[in-house]
C-alpha cells in the first residue's frame, strides 16, 4: 500500500511540533548520503526528517511507523552508510534535541547520556571531575551513545576496554514501540550496572559490532568513565596540523619503535602487554601515520616517498598516573624493544608528534586519514589473537599488492585488554573518480576471503552477513529470526542488521 505522505507529515508534526519535522527537498538532500564514499552509490533522499525531544516522542513515532508500515532510521553522527534511506518515505530520527548529559557519578565513575551527547562534550565535563573516556577514531564530534552501540574502537584499547564492554544501564525503544530497560535501569532509575535482570540482553542489542539501527532506538545509556590526571580544560589556538594546545608536557609521552620485521614487532607487542605498561599501543603502517599529517594529496604522496624505507612502527603512549610510572614505562619499553631487535626513534625526532597528543585525546585526528586520495574503504577487519592477525595481514597485503596495485593500502593493529586479543584494519585509499567501482569490488572480495579463512570479522553489516553466515554455523538464520521477532513489520532501518524479506 502506498504511503500517504501528507498524513505521515501531519502525524509527525502533531508529535514533535511544526518546527521539528521537515520534508523540504533541501533538508532531505542533506540527509541523502554520508561521509563514506559508498554513499555515492546508495544516495537516496528520505521522506521526512524529525527531531524528537524525549523518549515519549520517539515511542510515538515508532508506533506510528509500525501502524503505517513506514521505515525509520535512528541516526547519531550520520557517518556510516547505514544511516542512508534504502526505502522511499523513510523517517530519519535526528537526535539533536536530545543532547543532555543527565548525570555524572564521580564516585562510581559513569555518566548517563542522551543520544546526541558527543565525546568532546562528555569528555570536557568529565575532565572537570578528574574523569575521562577516550575518543574513537571517528572523532570527538561522534555521538557517545551511537559509538557504544556500533563499533566502539578507540586509541586506548590496549588499556581501556572496547566500548562494547563499557555499556551499562540502557533505555531501549524496541522496533514495536515498547520500552525495555536493561541492567539496573530495569529496577528503577539508577543506571550504574549493565547486566540483567535475567539474561544479559546487551549482546542482543548490539553484539560485537552493532545492529545499525535495525533493532530499535536506544534513548538513554550509562557509559563508564576512567580516572584522569591531566588538566580540566584544553586551551588551544589554530587548526590541526598547526594547532597549538596548552598541554602539560609531563602528562603523556609518545614513543616510536622500528623493528626488522613485522614478526619482531608483534613479539614486542606481546611482551609490552605482558608487562602491563602504557595507555596506548599500536602497530601502525607508516602510510597511515602520514595521512593525517598531509594537507593535500601531493604532500601525502611526497611524505610516502620520503619514508618509503620505513614500512611500519610501534606507537606507544605513556600516561602519568603516578610520579614514577612514566619513567618505569620508559625503562621497560626500551628493554623490550632491544630484546626484540628493534630501536626507539630519538626523542628529538618525535618531538613534533608530541604536539599531536592532545589532539588525539580530544579530537582523534585519524578521521583525516580518509582525506588524502578522496576515497577510503576498509578492505578487511578482524578481531583475533595477534599471531593470527599477523598471518592474515601478510596474506591480505600480498593480495592487494598483486591484484589492486593502483590502491594505496595501510593498516593498524591494536592489542586489546593487554594482549588477550587484538583488532586490525587493513584499508585502501583510492581516487573515487576513477576507481570507485574497483574499490567496491575489492571490498566484496575481502568479505569472501574472510569467509574462506573463517576469521572473526569486526566490520560485517547488512549483506555481508549473507556471505559470512554459511562459514560461521549459519548464524545469519538466527539473526534473521531475531530481526523478525523484534521487528515483524520491518520498519527499523531495513535491511539492517539483515534483510528479512529473503528466505
Protein backbone atom coordinates (compact mmCIF):
# COMPACT_ATOMS: atom_id res chain seq x y z
CA UNK A 1 0.00 0.00 0.00
CA UNK A 2 1.43 3.45 -0.94
CA UNK A 3 2.36 5.71 1.97
CA UNK A 4 0.14 8.77 2.45
CA UNK A 5 2.94 11.33 2.67
CA UNK A 6 0.77 14.19 3.90
CA UNK A 7 -0.84 12.06 6.61
CA UNK A 8 2.57 10.93 7.95
CA UNK A 9 3.82 14.52 7.90
CA UNK A 10 0.80 15.73 9.91
CA UNK A 11 1.21 12.92 12.46
CA UNK A 12 4.91 13.73 12.90
CA UNK A 13 4.08 17.43 13.22
CA UNK A 14 1.50 16.61 15.86
CA UNK A 15 4.09 14.55 17.77
CA UNK A 16 7.11 16.88 17.81
CA UNK A 17 5.70 20.25 16.74
CA UNK A 18 5.85 22.06 13.38
CA UNK A 19 9.40 23.37 13.90
CA UNK A 20 10.93 19.92 14.28
CA UNK A 21 9.80 17.99 11.22
CA UNK A 22 10.69 18.69 7.60
CA UNK A 23 10.20 17.31 4.12
CA UNK A 24 11.87 20.26 2.43
CA UNK A 25 13.89 18.91 -0.56
CA UNK A 26 16.98 20.87 0.50
CA UNK A 27 16.85 19.38 4.01
CA UNK A 28 16.22 15.88 2.68
CA UNK A 29 19.15 16.23 0.27
CA UNK A 30 21.43 16.98 3.22
CA UNK A 31 20.38 13.63 4.74
CA UNK A 32 20.76 11.68 1.49
CA UNK A 33 24.34 10.48 1.87
CA UNK A 34 27.04 10.11 4.49
CA UNK A 35 30.77 10.75 4.71
CA UNK A 36 31.58 7.34 3.23
CA UNK A 37 32.29 7.22 -0.49
CA UNK A 38 29.91 4.27 -0.72
CA UNK A 39 27.21 6.86 -0.05
CA UNK A 40 27.52 8.00 -3.65
CA UNK A 41 26.20 4.63 -4.77
CA UNK A 42 23.46 4.40 -2.13
CA UNK A 43 22.29 8.03 -2.31
CA UNK A 44 18.53 8.39 -1.73
CA UNK A 45 16.52 11.13 -0.14
CA UNK A 46 14.45 10.14 2.90
CA UNK A 47 10.79 11.15 3.16
CA UNK A 48 11.00 13.06 6.44
CA UNK A 49 13.49 14.35 8.98
CA UNK A 50 12.18 14.62 12.53
CA UNK A 51 13.86 15.85 15.73
CA UNK A 52 12.29 14.22 18.80
CA UNK A 53 13.00 15.65 22.25
CA UNK A 54 12.01 12.77 24.56
CA UNK A 55 11.62 9.02 24.78
CA UNK A 56 7.84 9.52 24.67
CA UNK A 57 8.09 11.26 21.31
CA UNK A 58 10.40 8.53 20.00
CA UNK A 59 7.96 5.90 21.19
CA UNK A 60 5.05 7.66 19.45
CA UNK A 61 6.98 7.92 16.17
CA UNK A 62 7.98 4.24 16.26
CA UNK A 63 4.39 3.15 16.95
CA UNK A 64 3.13 5.33 14.11
CA UNK A 65 5.78 3.85 11.81
CA UNK A 66 4.52 0.37 12.64
CA UNK A 67 0.87 1.30 12.09
CA UNK A 68 1.51 2.76 8.62
CA UNK A 69 4.45 0.49 7.66
CA UNK A 70 6.87 3.42 7.25
CA UNK A 71 10.60 2.71 7.81
CA UNK A 72 12.55 4.82 10.29
CA UNK A 73 16.29 5.24 10.92
CA UNK A 74 17.75 6.49 14.22
CA UNK A 75 20.97 8.40 13.47
CA UNK A 76 23.76 9.64 15.72
CA UNK A 77 26.65 11.33 13.94
CA UNK A 78 25.33 10.30 10.49
CA UNK A 79 28.72 8.94 9.46
CA UNK A 80 28.06 5.35 8.42
CA UNK A 81 26.34 4.45 5.15
CA UNK A 82 23.65 2.52 7.05
CA UNK A 83 22.22 5.93 8.05
CA UNK A 84 21.04 6.44 4.47
CA UNK A 85 17.49 5.60 3.47
CA UNK A 86 17.03 2.45 1.39
CA UNK A 87 13.22 2.71 1.17
CA UNK A 88 11.06 5.62 -0.03
CA UNK A 89 9.34 7.81 2.58
CA UNK A 90 11.82 6.77 5.28
CA UNK A 91 11.70 8.79 8.52
CA UNK A 92 15.12 9.97 9.78
CA UNK A 93 15.20 10.43 13.57
CA UNK A 94 17.85 13.05 14.26
CA UNK A 95 18.56 13.46 17.98
CA UNK A 96 19.99 16.99 18.04
CA UNK A 97 17.42 17.97 20.67
CA UNK A 98 18.32 15.02 22.91
CA UNK A 99 21.84 16.18 23.78
CA UNK A 100 21.91 16.23 27.57
CA UNK A 101 24.38 14.69 30.00
CA UNK A 102 21.81 13.57 32.53
CA UNK A 103 24.22 12.52 35.26
CA UNK A 104 27.92 12.14 36.02
CA UNK A 105 28.54 9.88 39.01
CA UNK A 106 32.06 10.73 40.18
CA UNK A 107 32.22 8.07 42.87
CA UNK A 108 31.13 5.16 40.68
CA UNK A 109 32.69 6.59 37.51
CA UNK A 110 29.91 6.58 34.96
CA UNK A 111 27.73 9.01 33.02
CA UNK A 112 24.11 8.78 31.86
CA UNK A 113 23.61 10.39 28.48
CA UNK A 114 21.11 11.08 25.71
CA UNK A 115 21.83 10.11 22.06
CA UNK A 116 23.36 13.36 20.79
CA UNK A 117 25.96 13.86 23.52
CA UNK A 118 29.37 13.92 21.80
CA UNK A 119 32.70 12.64 23.09
CA UNK A 120 34.08 16.16 23.20
CA UNK A 121 31.07 17.32 25.23
CA UNK A 122 31.19 14.45 27.72
CA UNK A 123 34.97 14.45 27.97
CA UNK A 124 35.05 18.19 28.75
CA UNK A 125 32.58 17.77 31.60
CA UNK A 126 34.20 14.59 32.90
CA UNK A 127 37.69 16.11 32.99
CA UNK A 128 36.44 18.80 35.36
CA UNK A 129 35.76 15.95 37.76
CA UNK A 130 39.02 14.04 37.25
CA UNK A 131 37.45 11.57 34.80
CA UNK A 132 37.55 10.93 31.06
CA UNK A 133 36.89 8.46 28.26
CA UNK A 134 38.99 8.07 25.09
CA UNK A 135 37.72 9.47 21.81
CA UNK A 136 37.15 6.95 18.97
CA UNK A 137 38.87 7.18 15.62
CA UNK A 138 35.70 8.67 14.14
CA UNK A 139 36.38 11.89 16.07
CA UNK A 140 35.33 13.93 19.08
CA UNK A 141 32.14 15.06 17.33
CA UNK A 142 30.86 11.45 17.33
CA UNK A 143 27.82 10.52 19.41
CA UNK A 144 28.95 8.62 22.52
CA UNK A 145 25.77 6.56 22.63
CA UNK A 146 25.87 5.69 18.92
CA UNK A 147 29.53 4.69 19.11
CA UNK A 148 28.86 2.46 22.11
CA UNK A 149 26.12 0.80 20.04
CA UNK A 150 28.11 0.49 16.82
CA UNK A 151 31.79 -0.40 16.55
CA UNK A 152 33.35 1.20 19.66
CA UNK A 153 37.07 1.19 18.94
CA UNK A 154 39.34 3.94 20.30
CA UNK A 155 43.03 4.74 20.58
CA UNK A 156 43.48 3.40 24.14
CA UNK A 157 42.02 -0.11 23.75
CA UNK A 158 45.33 -1.56 24.92
CA UNK A 159 44.34 -0.45 28.41
CA UNK A 160 40.67 0.62 28.34
CA UNK A 161 38.07 -1.86 27.01
CA UNK A 162 36.45 -1.80 23.60
CA UNK A 163 33.24 0.14 24.13
CA UNK A 164 31.01 -2.90 23.56
CA UNK A 165 32.16 -3.86 27.07
CA UNK A 166 31.50 -0.42 28.55
CA UNK A 167 27.72 -0.22 28.12
CA UNK A 168 25.91 -0.07 31.48
CA UNK A 169 22.19 0.61 32.03
CA UNK A 170 20.11 1.27 28.89
CA UNK A 171 16.68 2.62 27.92
CA UNK A 172 15.75 0.89 24.64
CA UNK A 173 12.68 1.57 22.48
CA UNK A 174 12.11 -1.71 20.66
CA UNK A 175 11.02 -1.71 16.99
CA UNK A 176 7.46 -2.33 18.21
CA UNK A 177 7.46 0.86 20.31
CA UNK A 178 7.70 -0.92 23.67
CA UNK A 179 10.33 0.32 26.13
CA UNK A 180 12.84 -2.15 27.55
CA UNK A 181 15.29 -1.15 30.27
CA UNK A 182 18.46 -3.18 30.72
CA UNK A 183 20.67 -3.64 33.76
CA UNK A 184 20.00 -1.76 36.97
CA UNK A 185 17.77 0.64 34.99
CA UNK A 186 15.26 -2.21 34.89
CA UNK A 187 14.88 -1.95 38.68
CA UNK A 188 14.49 1.81 38.97
CA UNK A 189 16.17 5.00 37.83
CA UNK A 190 19.79 4.04 38.57
CA UNK A 191 21.87 3.09 35.52
CA UNK A 192 25.12 2.04 37.22
CA UNK A 193 25.01 -1.66 36.18
CA UNK A 194 24.59 -3.29 32.76
CA UNK A 195 23.75 -6.97 33.31
CA UNK A 196 20.28 -8.42 33.89
CA UNK A 197 17.72 -8.60 35.27
CA UNK A 198 17.65 -12.14 33.95
CA UNK A 199 19.64 -12.85 30.76
CA UNK A 200 22.02 -10.08 29.70
CA UNK A 201 20.44 -8.65 26.54
CA UNK A 202 23.23 -6.25 25.61
CA UNK A 203 24.61 -8.86 23.22
CA UNK A 204 21.22 -9.00 21.51
CA UNK A 205 21.09 -5.20 21.39
CA UNK A 206 24.48 -4.74 19.72
CA UNK A 207 26.64 -7.89 19.61
CA UNK A 208 30.25 -7.09 18.78
CA UNK A 209 29.73 -4.55 16.02
CA UNK A 210 26.12 -3.39 16.28
CA UNK A 211 22.67 -3.68 14.70
CA UNK A 212 22.92 -0.41 12.72
CA UNK A 213 19.56 0.90 13.92
CA UNK A 214 17.82 -2.28 12.82
CA UNK A 215 16.61 -3.32 16.28
CA UNK A 216 15.02 -0.12 17.56
CA UNK A 217 16.23 3.04 19.27
CA UNK A 218 18.34 3.49 22.40
CA UNK A 219 17.30 6.77 24.00
CA UNK A 220 19.37 6.69 27.20
CA UNK A 221 22.58 4.92 28.19
CA UNK A 222 25.10 4.84 31.01
CA UNK A 223 28.76 4.57 29.99
CA UNK A 224 31.90 4.02 32.03
CA UNK A 225 34.37 6.78 32.82
CA UNK A 226 38.03 6.42 33.81
CA UNK A 227 40.47 8.34 36.07
CA UNK A 228 42.07 11.42 34.52
CA UNK A 229 45.23 13.01 35.91
CA UNK A 230 45.53 15.86 33.42
CA UNK A 231 44.15 19.41 33.22
CA UNK A 232 40.43 20.07 33.46
CA UNK A 233 40.46 22.10 30.21
CA UNK A 234 42.44 22.31 26.95
CA UNK A 235 43.26 25.85 25.84
CA UNK A 236 44.21 25.91 22.16
CA UNK A 237 44.54 28.07 19.07
CA UNK A 238 44.86 27.35 15.37
CA UNK A 239 43.70 24.41 13.28
CA UNK A 240 45.34 20.99 13.05
CA UNK A 241 48.03 20.24 11.91
CA UNK A 242 49.10 23.75 13.02
CA UNK A 243 47.01 23.67 16.20
CA UNK A 244 48.82 24.72 19.38
CA UNK A 245 47.49 23.30 22.66
CA UNK A 246 48.49 24.30 26.18
CA UNK A 247 49.04 20.78 27.46
CA UNK A 248 51.38 19.61 30.25
CA UNK A 249 54.44 18.08 28.61
CA UNK A 250 54.92 15.73 31.55
CA UNK A 251 51.40 14.26 31.32
CA UNK A 252 51.94 11.97 28.34
CA UNK A 253 54.97 10.69 26.45
CA UNK A 254 55.00 9.27 22.93
CA UNK A 255 57.49 6.66 21.71
CA UNK A 256 58.06 5.20 18.24
CA UNK A 257 59.94 1.93 17.76
CA UNK A 258 61.11 0.32 14.49
CA UNK A 259 61.81 -3.40 14.01
CA UNK A 260 63.47 -5.50 11.30
CA UNK A 261 60.24 -7.43 10.63
CA UNK A 262 56.54 -7.43 11.47
CA UNK A 263 57.10 -10.70 13.38
CA UNK A 264 59.60 -8.95 15.67
CA UNK A 265 57.17 -6.08 16.18
CA UNK A 266 54.33 -8.44 17.13
CA UNK A 267 56.60 -10.27 19.57
CA UNK A 268 57.33 -6.90 21.17
CA UNK A 269 53.60 -6.17 21.38
CA UNK A 270 53.08 -9.37 23.32
CA UNK A 271 55.88 -8.52 25.77
CA UNK A 272 54.63 -4.94 26.29
CA UNK A 273 51.17 -6.31 27.06
CA UNK A 274 52.61 -8.90 29.43
CA UNK A 275 54.46 -6.11 31.25
CA UNK A 276 51.16 -4.17 31.54
CA UNK A 277 52.71 -0.80 30.73
CA UNK A 278 51.40 2.18 28.80
CA UNK A 279 47.99 3.60 27.90
CA UNK A 280 48.06 3.34 24.10
CA UNK A 281 49.79 0.75 21.93
CA UNK A 282 49.58 0.30 18.15
CA UNK A 283 51.44 -1.30 15.29
CA UNK A 284 50.99 1.28 12.52
CA UNK A 285 51.93 1.28 8.87
CA UNK A 286 53.85 4.45 8.04
CA UNK A 287 51.29 5.22 5.33
CA UNK A 288 48.59 5.53 7.97
CA UNK A 289 50.73 7.86 10.07
CA UNK A 290 51.44 10.15 7.11
CA UNK A 291 47.81 10.54 6.02
CA UNK A 292 46.55 12.83 8.83
CA UNK A 293 49.71 14.95 8.64
CA UNK A 294 49.32 15.84 4.96
CA UNK A 295 47.39 18.94 3.88
CA UNK A 296 46.97 17.78 0.27
CA UNK A 297 47.25 14.73 -1.96
CA UNK A 298 50.57 15.99 -3.30
CA UNK A 299 52.03 16.40 0.18
CA UNK A 300 50.75 12.95 1.17
CA UNK A 301 52.44 11.28 -1.81
CA UNK A 302 55.61 13.23 -1.10
CA UNK A 303 55.64 12.03 2.52
CA UNK A 304 55.18 8.43 1.38
CA UNK A 305 58.20 8.74 -0.86
CA UNK A 306 60.29 10.33 1.88
CA UNK A 307 59.51 7.50 4.34
CA UNK A 308 59.34 4.60 1.88
CA UNK A 309 62.12 2.70 3.69
CA UNK A 310 60.13 2.61 6.96
CA UNK A 311 57.11 0.36 6.42
CA UNK A 312 55.72 0.28 9.95
CA UNK A 313 56.45 1.10 13.57
CA UNK A 314 55.10 0.58 17.07
CA UNK A 315 53.49 3.64 18.63
CA UNK A 316 53.45 3.60 22.43
CA UNK A 317 51.97 6.28 24.68
CA UNK A 318 52.57 6.50 28.42
CA UNK A 319 50.34 8.49 30.80
CA UNK A 320 51.45 9.87 34.15
CA UNK A 321 49.24 8.10 36.67
CA UNK A 322 51.80 8.41 39.49
CA UNK A 323 55.14 10.28 39.80
CA UNK A 324 57.25 7.24 38.81
CA UNK A 325 55.03 5.49 36.27
CA UNK A 326 56.35 7.22 33.14
CA UNK A 327 59.98 6.51 33.96
CA UNK A 328 59.17 2.89 34.69
CA UNK A 329 57.30 2.62 31.38
CA UNK A 330 60.30 4.06 29.53
CA UNK A 331 62.81 1.62 31.01
CA UNK A 332 60.65 -1.46 30.45
CA UNK A 333 59.73 -0.38 26.92
CA UNK A 334 63.37 0.21 25.98
CA UNK A 335 64.39 -3.21 27.28
CA UNK A 336 61.58 -4.98 25.38
CA UNK A 337 62.33 -3.15 22.14
CA UNK A 338 66.03 -4.02 22.31
CA UNK A 339 65.33 -7.68 23.15
CA UNK A 340 63.18 -7.92 20.02
CA UNK A 341 65.85 -6.44 17.68
CA UNK A 342 64.23 -3.03 17.46
CA UNK A 343 65.25 0.50 18.35
CA UNK A 344 63.48 3.60 19.64
CA UNK A 345 63.47 6.68 17.43
CA UNK A 346 65.32 9.51 19.25
CA UNK A 347 63.14 11.91 21.21
CA UNK A 348 64.21 14.91 19.15
CA UNK A 349 62.81 13.26 16.01
CA UNK A 350 59.49 12.51 17.73
CA UNK A 351 59.16 15.95 19.30
CA UNK A 352 56.85 17.34 16.60
CA UNK A 353 54.50 14.38 17.04
CA UNK A 354 54.27 15.02 20.79
CA UNK A 355 52.27 18.15 19.98
CA UNK A 356 49.57 15.95 18.46
CA UNK A 357 48.92 14.06 21.73
CA UNK A 358 46.16 16.41 23.00
CA UNK A 359 44.55 16.37 19.54
CA UNK A 360 44.45 12.57 19.75
CA UNK A 361 42.98 12.64 23.25
CA UNK A 362 40.25 15.15 22.45
CA UNK A 363 39.52 15.14 18.70
CA UNK A 364 41.05 11.98 17.16
CA UNK A 365 43.00 13.09 14.09
CA UNK A 366 42.59 9.68 12.47
CA UNK A 367 39.47 10.85 10.61
CA UNK A 368 41.88 12.85 8.43
CA UNK A 369 43.13 9.51 7.09
CA UNK A 370 40.05 9.40 4.88
CA UNK A 371 41.02 12.56 3.02
CA UNK A 372 44.31 12.35 1.06
CA UNK A 373 43.16 10.41 -2.01
CA UNK A 374 39.45 11.23 -1.86
CA UNK A 375 38.34 7.61 -1.40
CA UNK A 376 38.67 5.27 1.59
CA UNK A 377 37.30 1.84 2.48
CA UNK A 378 38.15 -0.94 4.91
CA UNK A 379 39.35 -3.95 2.92
CA UNK A 380 39.49 -6.40 5.83
CA UNK A 381 38.90 -6.03 9.58
CA UNK A 382 39.31 -8.73 12.24
CA UNK A 383 39.47 -9.46 15.95
CA UNK A 384 41.74 -12.43 16.76
CA UNK A 385 44.97 -13.34 18.54
CA UNK A 386 47.93 -11.20 17.47
CA UNK A 387 49.63 -14.21 15.84
CA UNK A 388 46.55 -14.98 13.77
CA UNK A 389 46.22 -11.33 12.80
CA UNK A 390 49.83 -11.30 11.66
CA UNK A 391 49.34 -14.31 9.38
CA UNK A 392 46.21 -12.84 7.80
CA UNK A 393 47.78 -9.40 7.41
CA UNK A 394 50.69 -10.83 5.41
CA UNK A 395 48.34 -12.74 3.10
CA UNK A 396 45.98 -9.80 2.59
CA UNK A 397 48.79 -7.32 1.88
CA UNK A 398 50.28 -9.65 -0.73
CA UNK A 399 46.86 -9.99 -2.37
CA UNK A 400 46.32 -6.22 -2.58
CA UNK A 401 49.79 -5.60 -3.99
CA UNK A 402 49.21 -8.19 -6.70
CA UNK A 403 45.54 -7.67 -7.62
CA UNK A 404 44.99 -3.96 -6.85
CA UNK A 405 48.32 -2.21 -7.40
CA UNK A 406 46.64 1.16 -8.05
CA UNK A 407 45.40 1.36 -4.45
CA UNK A 408 47.43 2.68 -1.55
CA UNK A 409 46.87 0.49 1.49
CA UNK A 410 47.58 0.91 5.17
CA UNK A 411 46.91 -0.99 8.38
CA UNK A 412 46.96 -0.81 12.13
CA UNK A 413 46.96 -3.49 14.82
CA UNK A 414 45.87 -2.78 18.40
CA UNK A 415 46.27 -5.29 21.25
CA UNK A 416 43.07 -5.27 23.29
CA UNK A 417 42.83 -5.82 27.02
CA UNK A 418 46.58 -6.15 27.45
CA UNK A 419 47.05 -8.52 24.53
CA UNK A 420 44.39 -11.12 25.24
CA UNK A 421 43.26 -10.48 21.68
CA UNK A 422 43.74 -7.83 19.04
CA UNK A 423 41.96 -5.72 16.45
CA UNK A 424 43.28 -4.95 12.98
CA UNK A 425 42.06 -3.00 9.97
CA UNK A 426 43.61 -3.14 6.52
CA UNK A 427 42.23 -0.27 4.43
CA UNK A 428 42.56 1.12 0.93
CA UNK A 429 42.94 4.67 -0.37
CA UNK A 430 41.96 5.45 -3.96
CA UNK A 431 40.65 8.11 -6.34
CA UNK A 432 36.85 7.74 -6.33
CA UNK A 433 36.55 9.48 -9.69
CA UNK A 434 38.45 6.69 -11.42
CA UNK A 435 38.42 3.65 -9.13
CA UNK A 436 35.14 3.65 -7.16
CA UNK A 437 33.70 0.51 -8.79
CA UNK A 438 37.01 -1.27 -8.45
CA UNK A 439 37.17 -0.33 -4.76
CA UNK A 440 33.69 -1.71 -4.12
CA UNK A 441 34.66 -4.92 -5.90
CA UNK A 442 37.79 -5.12 -3.74
CA UNK A 443 35.71 -4.75 -0.58
CA UNK A 444 33.41 -7.62 -1.64
CA UNK A 445 36.46 -9.76 -2.36
CA UNK A 446 37.68 -9.07 1.18
CA UNK A 447 34.41 -10.31 2.72
CA UNK A 448 34.62 -13.55 0.73
CA UNK A 449 38.24 -14.04 1.76
CA UNK A 450 37.22 -13.64 5.39
CA UNK A 451 34.55 -16.32 4.95
CA UNK A 452 37.08 -18.69 3.39
CA UNK A 453 39.63 -18.09 6.15
CA UNK A 454 36.98 -18.19 8.92
CA UNK A 455 38.33 -15.02 10.50
CA UNK A 456 36.39 -13.21 13.22
CA UNK A 457 35.16 -10.24 11.19
CA UNK A 458 34.55 -6.95 13.01
CA UNK A 459 33.03 -4.92 10.19
CA UNK A 460 30.24 -7.21 8.99
CA UNK A 461 26.94 -5.46 8.28
CA UNK A 462 23.86 -5.95 6.16
CA UNK A 463 24.57 -8.06 3.05
CA UNK A 464 27.91 -9.22 4.49
CA UNK A 465 26.05 -11.49 6.91
CA UNK A 466 24.66 -13.50 3.99
CA UNK A 467 28.18 -14.08 2.66
CA UNK A 468 29.79 -14.84 6.00
CA UNK A 469 26.96 -16.79 7.64
CA UNK A 470 27.42 -20.20 5.96
CA UNK A 471 31.06 -20.27 7.12
CA UNK A 472 30.10 -19.49 10.72
CA UNK A 473 27.42 -22.01 11.61
CA UNK A 474 24.73 -20.26 9.53
CA UNK A 475 24.38 -17.54 12.16
CA UNK A 476 22.55 -15.42 9.58
CA UNK A 477 19.50 -17.65 10.07
CA UNK A 478 19.41 -16.87 13.80
CA UNK A 479 19.96 -13.17 13.13
CA UNK A 480 17.02 -13.19 10.72
CA UNK A 481 14.81 -14.85 13.35
CA UNK A 482 15.79 -12.16 15.89
CA UNK A 483 15.00 -9.35 13.45
CA UNK A 484 11.62 -10.89 12.54
CA UNK A 485 10.71 -11.38 16.17
CA UNK A 486 11.61 -7.87 17.33
CA UNK A 487 10.66 -6.06 14.13
CA UNK A 488 7.84 -8.04 12.44
CA UNK A 489 6.78 -5.05 10.33
CA UNK A 490 10.36 -4.49 9.11
CA UNK A 491 10.31 -0.77 9.88
CA UNK A 492 13.52 -0.35 11.96
CA UNK A 493 16.11 0.65 9.37
CA UNK A 494 15.56 -2.19 6.90
CA UNK A 495 17.55 -4.13 5.67
CA UNK A 496 19.72 -3.94 8.81
CA UNK A 497 21.09 -5.82 10.58
CA UNK A 498 19.88 -8.34 7.97
CA UNK A 499 17.30 -8.43 5.20
CA UNK A 500 14.23 -10.35 6.47
CA UNK A 501 12.49 -10.23 3.10
CA UNK A 502 14.81 -13.02 2.00
CA UNK A 503 14.07 -16.60 3.00
